[in-house]
Protein backbone atom coordinates (compact mmCIF):
# COMPACT_ATOMS: atom_id res chain seq x y z
CA MET A 1 -14.22 -86.93 26.44
CA LYS A 2 -11.99 -86.19 24.36
CA LYS A 3 -14.12 -83.23 23.09
CA PHE A 4 -13.84 -81.78 26.53
CA LEU A 5 -10.03 -82.36 27.31
CA THR A 6 -9.46 -80.40 24.09
CA PHE A 7 -12.15 -77.45 24.92
CA CYS A 8 -9.71 -77.13 28.28
CA ILE A 9 -6.61 -77.57 25.74
CA LEU A 10 -8.67 -74.46 24.33
CA PHE A 11 -9.37 -72.51 27.18
CA VAL A 12 -5.64 -72.58 28.60
CA VAL A 13 -3.97 -71.47 25.22
CA VAL A 14 -6.64 -68.77 24.80
CA PHE A 15 -6.21 -68.00 28.58
CA MET A 16 -2.92 -67.85 28.66
CA SER A 17 -2.06 -65.85 25.91
CA MET A 18 -5.10 -62.65 26.47
CA LEU A 19 -2.95 -62.70 30.32
CA SER A 20 -0.16 -62.33 27.71
CA GLY A 21 -1.07 -59.52 25.28
CA CYS A 22 -2.22 -62.12 23.13
CA VAL A 23 -5.37 -61.20 22.86
CA ASN A 24 -7.75 -58.34 20.41
CA SER A 25 -7.84 -56.16 22.82
CA GLU A 26 -10.88 -54.84 20.74
CA HIS A 27 -12.15 -58.08 21.78
CA PRO A 28 -15.96 -56.68 22.86
CA ASN A 29 -16.35 -59.08 25.70
CA ILE A 30 -13.01 -57.49 27.26
CA THR A 31 -13.72 -54.83 30.26
CA ASN A 32 -11.20 -52.82 28.84
CA SER A 33 -9.08 -50.68 31.11
CA SER A 34 -9.98 -47.28 30.43
CA SER A 35 -13.38 -47.68 31.92
CA ILE A 36 -12.39 -49.47 34.83
CA SER A 37 -10.09 -46.30 35.57
CA ASN A 38 -13.26 -43.93 34.97
CA ASN A 39 -15.62 -46.06 37.02
CA LEU A 40 -12.98 -45.77 39.85
CA THR A 41 -12.56 -41.67 39.78
CA LYS A 42 -16.47 -41.19 38.86
CA ASN A 43 -17.03 -43.80 43.01
CA MET A 44 -14.00 -41.65 44.43
CA ALA A 45 -14.80 -38.14 43.73
CA ASN A 46 -16.57 -38.07 47.59
CA SER A 47 -12.50 -39.24 48.80
CA GLN A 48 -9.45 -36.91 48.93
CA ILE A 49 -6.68 -39.68 49.47
CA LYS A 50 -3.35 -37.72 51.09
CA THR A 51 -0.93 -40.53 50.07
CA PRO A 52 -1.97 -42.87 47.51
CA ILE A 53 -1.65 -46.82 48.95
CA VAL A 54 -2.01 -47.46 45.32
CA GLU A 55 1.01 -46.51 42.97
CA TYR A 56 1.43 -48.40 39.75
CA ALA A 57 -1.99 -50.12 39.71
CA LYS A 58 -4.60 -48.17 37.45
CA ASN A 59 -7.83 -50.47 38.45
CA PHE A 60 -8.46 -50.84 41.99
CA LYS A 61 -8.43 -48.24 44.85
CA LEU A 62 -8.03 -48.91 48.81
CA ILE A 63 -8.42 -46.20 51.42
CA TYR A 64 -7.28 -46.95 55.29
CA TYR A 65 -9.71 -44.75 57.86
CA ASP A 66 -8.61 -44.65 61.90
CA LYS A 67 -12.51 -44.54 63.84
CA ASN A 68 -13.16 -41.62 63.29
CA GLY A 69 -13.11 -41.08 59.81
CA ASN A 70 -9.13 -39.59 59.49
CA GLU A 71 -7.40 -41.33 55.86
CA VAL A 72 -4.27 -43.35 57.40
CA ASN A 73 -1.52 -45.18 55.11
CA PRO A 74 -0.14 -48.02 56.20
CA TYR A 75 2.00 -49.09 53.32
CA THR A 76 3.87 -45.24 53.66
CA ASN A 77 3.36 -44.57 57.19
CA GLY A 78 2.95 -47.54 59.24
CA ASP A 79 -0.22 -46.03 60.81
CA LYS A 80 -2.54 -47.76 62.62
CA TRP A 81 -5.94 -48.30 60.72
CA ALA A 82 -9.82 -49.47 61.93
CA TYR A 83 -11.25 -49.46 58.47
CA LYS A 84 -10.61 -50.15 54.90
CA VAL A 85 -12.33 -49.26 51.84
CA LEU A 86 -12.16 -50.98 49.22
CA ILE A 87 -13.14 -50.10 44.87
CA ASP A 88 -12.97 -53.09 42.47
CA ALA A 89 -12.52 -53.65 38.93
CA LEU A 90 -15.87 -52.98 38.30
CA GLY A 91 -16.29 -49.95 41.01
CA GLN A 92 -17.61 -51.60 43.60
CA LYS A 93 -17.42 -50.27 47.02
CA PHE A 94 -16.40 -52.42 50.11
CA LEU A 95 -16.55 -51.30 53.56
CA LEU A 96 -13.85 -53.95 55.27
CA LYS A 97 -13.48 -53.89 58.59
CA ASN A 98 -12.75 -56.02 61.77
CA ALA A 99 -15.64 -58.46 63.18
CA SER A 100 -15.93 -56.60 66.27
CA GLU A 101 -16.29 -53.41 64.87
CA PRO A 102 -19.69 -51.64 64.11
CA VAL A 103 -20.03 -50.53 61.27
CA PRO A 104 -18.99 -46.39 61.54
CA SER A 105 -20.91 -43.37 61.47
CA TRP A 106 -19.19 -41.50 59.19
CA ALA A 107 -19.35 -44.25 56.60
CA LYS A 108 -22.30 -43.61 54.75
CA GLU A 109 -21.31 -39.45 54.16
CA LYS A 110 -17.46 -41.06 52.98
CA LEU A 111 -19.19 -44.09 50.63
CA GLY A 112 -22.16 -42.90 49.68
CA GLY A 113 -25.28 -45.04 49.98
CA ASN A 114 -24.63 -48.12 48.16
CA PHE A 115 -21.73 -50.07 50.16
CA LYS A 116 -21.19 -53.04 51.20
CA VAL A 117 -19.51 -54.06 54.34
CA ILE A 118 -17.60 -57.67 54.22
CA ASN A 119 -15.69 -58.88 58.17
CA VAL A 120 -12.37 -59.56 57.54
CA PRO A 121 -9.74 -61.63 57.56
CA LEU A 122 -12.01 -63.73 54.92
CA LYS A 123 -11.95 -67.57 55.54
CA ARG A 124 -13.66 -68.70 53.30
CA VAL A 125 -13.15 -68.07 49.25
CA VAL A 126 -13.92 -69.47 46.01
CA VAL A 127 -11.16 -67.94 43.14
CA MET A 128 -11.33 -67.86 39.06
CA SER A 129 -8.10 -68.22 37.96
CA SER A 130 -3.99 -69.18 38.69
CA THR A 131 -3.37 -65.13 39.06
CA GLU A 132 -5.65 -64.76 42.30
CA ILE A 133 -3.85 -67.94 43.69
CA ALA A 134 -0.40 -66.21 42.67
CA LEU A 135 -1.15 -63.04 44.55
CA MET A 136 -2.47 -64.89 47.47
CA GLU A 137 0.37 -67.08 47.73
CA ALA A 138 2.90 -63.68 48.46
CA ILE A 139 0.93 -63.21 51.90
CA ASN A 140 0.31 -66.78 52.59
CA ASN A 141 3.21 -66.74 55.54
CA ASP A 142 1.29 -68.50 57.93
CA GLY A 143 -1.26 -70.08 55.45
CA SER A 144 -4.79 -68.38 56.47
CA VAL A 145 -4.58 -67.60 52.87
CA ILE A 146 -4.14 -69.67 50.49
CA GLY A 147 -6.35 -71.79 53.28
CA SER A 148 -9.56 -69.58 52.94
CA VAL A 149 -9.54 -71.15 49.49
CA LYS A 150 -11.90 -73.59 48.96
CA GLY A 151 -13.39 -74.06 45.56
CA ILE A 152 -11.23 -72.83 42.64
CA MET A 153 -12.77 -72.64 38.74
CA TRP A 154 -10.51 -75.51 36.45
CA GLY A 155 -8.62 -76.59 40.05
CA LYS A 156 -8.25 -79.92 38.65
CA ALA A 157 -7.42 -79.04 34.30
CA TYR A 158 -4.26 -78.06 34.15
CA LYS A 159 -1.01 -78.67 36.28
CA TRP A 160 -0.77 -76.89 39.67
CA TYR A 161 3.24 -75.95 40.22
CA PHE A 162 1.91 -74.64 43.77
CA ASN A 163 2.63 -77.62 46.21
CA ASN A 164 -0.35 -76.01 48.46
CA ILE A 165 -3.53 -75.89 45.86
CA LYS A 166 -1.98 -79.67 44.42
CA GLU A 167 -2.81 -80.91 47.36
CA GLY A 168 -5.51 -79.32 49.04
CA LEU A 169 -7.00 -80.71 45.04
CA GLU A 170 -5.43 -84.09 45.76
CA ASN A 171 -7.25 -84.28 49.75
CA GLY A 172 -10.20 -82.88 48.89
CA SER A 173 -9.77 -79.35 50.91
CA ILE A 174 -9.94 -77.49 47.61
CA ILE A 175 -12.23 -78.00 45.56
CA ASP A 176 -12.60 -77.92 41.74
CA VAL A 177 -16.04 -75.83 41.01
CA GLY A 178 -16.23 -76.64 37.31
CA SER A 179 -15.02 -74.57 34.16
CA THR A 180 -15.40 -71.04 34.24
CA SER A 181 -18.26 -70.89 31.68
CA ASN A 182 -20.22 -73.12 33.49
CA PRO A 183 -19.03 -73.94 36.89
CA ASN A 184 -20.98 -76.42 40.15
CA TRP A 185 -22.43 -73.66 42.07
CA ASP A 186 -24.69 -76.85 43.89
CA LYS A 187 -20.33 -77.52 44.88
CA ILE A 188 -20.38 -73.49 45.15
CA ILE A 189 -23.43 -73.25 47.17
CA GLU A 190 -22.49 -75.66 49.85
CA LEU A 191 -18.96 -74.55 50.05
CA LYS A 192 -20.65 -71.15 51.62
CA PRO A 193 -18.01 -68.42 50.43
CA GLN A 194 -18.26 -65.36 51.63
CA VAL A 195 -15.99 -63.56 48.64
CA ILE A 196 -16.44 -65.01 45.20
CA PHE A 197 -12.75 -63.77 43.63
CA VAL A 198 -13.81 -63.18 39.19
CA TYR A 199 -12.24 -61.09 36.94
CA PRO A 200 -14.14 -58.84 34.40
CA GLY A 201 -14.99 -59.74 31.36
CA TYR A 202 -14.80 -62.78 29.17
CA ASP A 203 -16.68 -65.51 31.10
CA GLY A 204 -16.24 -63.64 34.51
CA ASN A 205 -19.47 -62.06 32.85
CA LYS A 206 -21.35 -65.26 33.81
CA VAL A 207 -20.29 -65.89 37.20
CA ILE A 208 -20.95 -62.14 37.55
CA SER A 209 -24.60 -62.40 36.66
CA LYS A 210 -25.12 -65.75 38.01
CA CYS A 211 -23.65 -64.15 42.00
CA LYS A 212 -26.23 -61.50 41.50
CA GLU A 213 -29.02 -63.85 41.51
CA LEU A 214 -27.95 -66.56 43.97
CA GLY A 215 -26.93 -63.12 46.27
CA ILE A 216 -23.43 -65.06 46.35
CA THR A 217 -20.94 -61.15 47.47
CA TYR A 218 -18.60 -61.31 44.37
CA VAL A 219 -15.34 -58.61 44.22
CA ALA A 220 -13.58 -57.74 40.67
CA ASP A 221 -9.74 -58.03 39.65
CA ALA A 222 -8.71 -56.79 36.98
CA GLU A 223 -4.07 -57.58 37.54
CA TYR A 224 -4.48 -58.91 33.96
CA LEU A 225 -5.64 -55.51 32.74
CA GLU A 226 -2.50 -53.21 33.75
CA ASN A 227 -0.38 -52.22 31.77
CA ASP A 228 3.13 -52.00 34.19
CA PRO A 229 3.96 -55.30 35.35
CA LEU A 230 4.18 -53.24 38.88
CA GLY A 231 0.35 -52.44 38.57
CA ARG A 232 -0.25 -56.21 37.92
CA CYS A 233 2.31 -57.01 40.73
CA GLU A 234 0.12 -54.60 42.81
CA TRP A 235 -3.08 -56.50 43.13
CA VAL A 236 -0.71 -58.09 46.51
CA LYS A 237 -2.38 -54.84 47.67
CA MET A 238 -6.23 -55.76 47.30
CA PHE A 239 -5.86 -59.10 48.39
CA ALA A 240 -4.08 -57.70 51.91
CA ALA A 241 -6.90 -55.65 52.48
CA PHE A 242 -8.86 -58.89 52.69
CA TYR A 243 -6.71 -61.14 55.23
CA ASN A 244 -4.99 -57.75 57.16
CA LYS A 245 -2.36 -59.06 55.65
CA GLU A 246 -0.45 -54.77 55.08
CA PRO A 247 2.74 -55.80 56.66
CA GLU A 248 3.49 -58.80 54.74
CA ALA A 249 2.00 -57.09 51.11
CA LYS A 250 4.39 -54.88 52.01
CA ARG A 251 7.63 -56.42 52.17
CA TYR A 252 6.61 -58.07 49.02
CA PHE A 253 5.56 -55.83 46.87
CA ASP A 254 9.09 -53.52 48.29
CA ARG A 255 10.88 -56.35 47.27
CA ILE A 256 10.02 -56.27 44.13
CA VAL A 257 10.17 -52.89 43.20
CA ASN A 258 13.20 -52.32 44.78
CA ASN A 259 14.54 -55.35 42.21
CA CYS A 260 13.05 -54.16 39.00
CA LEU A 261 14.72 -51.05 39.95
CA MET A 262 17.61 -52.46 40.08
CA VAL A 263 17.03 -54.25 36.80
CA MET A 264 16.07 -50.27 34.89
CA ASN A 265 19.59 -49.35 36.61
CA LYS A 266 21.44 -52.01 35.71
CA THR A 267 20.53 -52.23 31.62
CA LYS A 268 20.31 -47.74 31.48
CA ASN A 269 23.94 -47.75 29.81
CA CYS A 270 23.67 -51.30 27.95
CA PRO A 271 23.16 -50.80 24.26
CA LYS A 272 19.96 -50.75 22.96
CA VAL A 273 19.22 -54.71 21.13
CA THR A 274 16.11 -54.95 19.27
CA VAL A 275 13.76 -57.45 20.26
CA ALA A 276 10.75 -59.72 18.53
CA TRP A 277 7.62 -60.18 20.96
CA GLY A 278 5.01 -62.81 19.19
CA TYR A 279 4.22 -65.63 16.76
CA ASN A 280 1.88 -67.29 14.73
CA SER A 281 0.25 -70.13 15.75
CA GLN A 282 -3.43 -71.89 14.65
CA TRP A 283 -4.68 -69.26 16.25
CA GLY A 284 -3.22 -66.48 14.20
CA CYS A 285 -0.12 -63.82 15.02
CA TYR A 286 -1.15 -61.24 18.19
CA VAL A 287 1.92 -59.25 19.42
CA PRO A 288 1.54 -56.77 22.54
CA GLU A 289 1.18 -52.88 21.57
CA ASN A 290 3.08 -50.11 22.15
CA ASP A 291 2.04 -49.20 25.85
CA SER A 292 0.98 -52.73 27.23
CA TYR A 293 2.49 -54.54 29.79
CA VAL A 294 4.99 -56.59 28.31
CA ALA A 295 6.19 -53.70 26.04
CA LYS A 296 7.09 -51.66 29.25
CA GLU A 297 9.09 -54.72 30.51
CA ILE A 298 11.30 -54.76 26.60
CA THR A 299 11.43 -50.88 26.59
CA ILE A 300 11.59 -49.48 30.08
CA TYR A 301 12.27 -51.78 32.00
CA CYS A 302 15.35 -53.84 30.04
CA ASN A 303 16.22 -50.54 27.77
CA GLY A 304 15.94 -52.65 24.62
CA ASP A 305 13.96 -51.49 21.72
CA TYR A 306 10.37 -53.17 20.71
CA ILE A 307 10.22 -53.61 17.04
CA PHE A 308 6.67 -52.71 17.05
CA LYS A 309 6.74 -49.57 19.20
CA ASP A 310 4.57 -47.40 17.25
CA LEU A 311 1.36 -50.24 17.56
CA ASN A 312 -0.27 -47.81 20.08
CA GLY A 313 -2.45 -49.22 22.71
CA THR A 314 -2.08 -51.17 25.51
CA GLY A 315 -3.20 -54.46 24.97
CA SER A 316 -2.85 -56.58 22.22
CA ALA A 317 -3.23 -57.13 17.71
CA LYS A 318 -4.15 -59.78 15.32
CA ILE A 319 -1.29 -58.87 12.48
CA ASP A 320 -1.09 -61.34 9.85
CA TYR A 321 2.99 -62.80 10.08
CA GLU A 322 4.13 -61.71 6.53
CA THR A 323 4.07 -58.30 8.61
CA PHE A 324 5.36 -59.88 11.85
CA ALA A 325 8.37 -61.41 10.26
CA GLU A 326 9.51 -58.75 8.28
CA ARG A 327 9.95 -57.25 11.07
CA ALA A 328 11.13 -59.54 13.30
CA ARG A 329 13.82 -61.03 10.45
CA ASN A 330 16.12 -58.62 11.59
CA ALA A 331 15.63 -58.54 15.59
CA ASP A 332 18.41 -59.41 18.17
CA VAL A 333 16.54 -61.13 19.94
CA TRP A 334 13.71 -63.34 19.42
CA VAL A 335 10.49 -64.32 22.74
CA ILE A 336 8.05 -66.80 21.81
CA PRO A 337 5.20 -65.98 24.27
CA SER A 338 4.71 -70.09 24.64
CA SER A 339 6.15 -72.86 26.20
CA VAL A 340 7.40 -76.19 24.26
CA LYS A 341 3.90 -78.22 25.40
CA TRP A 342 2.26 -75.34 22.49
CA LEU A 343 4.63 -74.93 20.04
CA THR A 344 4.58 -78.56 18.02
CA THR A 345 3.35 -76.85 14.61
CA PHE A 346 5.52 -74.08 15.20
CA LYS A 347 8.06 -74.97 12.07
CA LYS A 348 5.03 -75.47 9.94
CA ASP A 349 3.32 -72.10 10.86
CA ASN A 350 5.70 -69.45 10.77
CA PRO A 351 7.61 -70.25 7.50
CA GLY A 352 10.89 -68.42 6.91
CA TYR A 353 11.65 -68.13 10.64
CA GLU A 354 15.11 -70.22 9.84
CA THR A 355 16.33 -65.99 8.03
CA PHE A 356 15.38 -64.74 11.43
CA LYS A 357 18.55 -63.35 12.56
CA ALA A 358 17.70 -64.04 15.99
CA VAL A 359 17.72 -67.68 14.95
CA LYS A 360 21.07 -67.79 12.86
CA ASN A 361 22.65 -66.46 16.49
CA GLY A 362 21.11 -68.56 18.65
CA ARG A 363 19.15 -65.96 20.54
CA VAL A 364 15.15 -66.86 20.31
CA PHE A 365 13.94 -67.74 23.80
CA CYS A 366 10.58 -69.53 24.69
CA GLU A 367 8.96 -69.33 28.27
CA SER A 368 8.68 -72.37 30.65
CA GLU A 369 6.04 -74.20 31.74
CA ASP A 370 5.49 -72.42 35.39
CA TYR A 371 5.20 -69.29 33.53
CA TRP A 372 2.18 -68.61 33.66
CA GLN A 373 1.21 -69.42 37.12
CA LEU A 374 4.80 -68.51 38.75
CA GLY A 375 5.66 -65.34 36.63
CA LEU A 376 3.13 -63.00 38.38
CA LEU A 377 4.39 -64.07 41.56
CA LYS A 378 8.37 -63.32 40.72
CA THR A 379 7.56 -60.67 38.44
CA ASP A 380 11.60 -59.57 39.44
CA GLU A 381 12.66 -62.42 38.17
CA VAL A 382 10.30 -62.30 35.12
CA ILE A 383 12.24 -59.14 34.44
CA MET A 384 15.98 -59.93 35.58
CA ASP A 385 15.54 -63.17 33.07
CA LEU A 386 14.53 -60.53 31.11
CA ALA A 387 17.22 -58.54 30.51
CA THR A 388 19.84 -61.65 30.97
CA ILE A 389 18.74 -62.77 27.72
CA MET A 390 18.52 -59.28 26.01
CA HIS A 391 22.04 -57.96 28.01
CA PRO A 392 24.29 -60.88 28.61
CA GLU A 393 26.75 -59.47 29.36
CA ALA A 394 25.05 -57.36 32.40
CA PHE A 395 24.98 -60.72 34.09
CA LYS A 396 27.23 -62.95 33.63
CA GLY A 397 26.41 -66.33 35.64
CA ARG A 398 22.77 -65.97 35.90
CA LYS A 399 21.34 -68.64 34.75
CA THR A 400 17.13 -67.66 33.31
CA HIS A 401 14.05 -69.52 34.46
CA PHE A 402 11.13 -68.18 32.76
CA PHE A 403 12.49 -67.35 29.28
CA LEU A 404 14.55 -70.77 28.43
CA LYS A 405 16.27 -71.05 25.13
CA TYR A 406 13.93 -72.28 22.89
CA ASN A 407 15.93 -75.07 19.91
CA ILE A 408 13.79 -74.80 16.90
CA GLU A 409 14.18 -77.95 15.35
CA ASN A 410 13.82 -80.17 18.01
CA ASN A 411 11.42 -78.17 20.13
CA THR A 412 12.79 -78.55 23.28
CA ALA A 413 14.03 -75.50 25.04
CA THR A 414 16.82 -74.95 28.68
CA PRO A 415 17.83 -72.74 30.95
CA PHE A 416 20.13 -69.62 29.45
CA ILE A 417 23.58 -68.89 31.28
CA ALA A 418 24.90 -65.28 30.41
CA LYS A 419 28.63 -65.89 29.56
């Protein structure tokens, strides 16, 4: 039991770090975003998208058609659709349609011969991660989207901040189907999922192989590989396509975009502050690369000066702590991408921290416990929080939720109120 619990904890920490840009982007088992984009380009060769449905995300494509095969856009023009074509993160092509509609005669011409047909809205699915739940929650206005979730991998391995998921796991309407590295396939088969939502790379590749063996339809999402925060959030449109929730997705995503643009406008004339992001742990010191979504949150959305802006890449890189400390020592703001639960050895792992400018000035921040479940759903609030700790003068009176003021000495964190 001890070994299992240790493994669960290790998995959660490493997986969370992966999503935050804290795992080496050269990991041999990760499907990188450039290869995904190449697959999408290849698979879209026969389609001429007049008005792109997807504007920020790079790792999936959506096209909507009327009954005659003409492209329409329910997001920009409010057009009525009859069919949808999705190309997922692995380049798989899906024709999504209402059960009452036949497969159109033009489908093969537009999609080629290799595509799968799925009737929507979905009623029974299994998911791999809490980020998938977050995006599904965004369009769960009537309960039907989360209501379709019958199984979750690692369902009971960590605390849930989505009450409907927590209750479902407790009352048995949602089943914990085991770990991503070793799912309980007997349970999954019993659930009869129409689709399993998987992420490529890591344990996802094993799940995909087993789905192929069992003939279970899987759809690959890779929001964690997007290098723009709005690109990550825009994956809500993919989930919306499976539930006919385009109006809900539009309202949600438009609000997120507008709020993020508001932050950009509000901070564009603020004096730049230098920001350090990262820390040393037993797994090493990882920092976001300059074209990662984290770096963009700092520099583009919140008008900051990121200390590793010369570190090229879209993911993260492992560096030695001495290199990190040399630059972080003079940063105005220091963000530690973890919650206090995982920072019990912080002082030992980060020698000399007391000499850092941000420590002396009380501008050290860590993440809230619920960041990894609610942060993607509330992307705009995450960016507002980041802007608040970077430019408090522009957000006077605002209280943060996702980035907390961190007291290193007693390993506690509290909301920050801008003054």
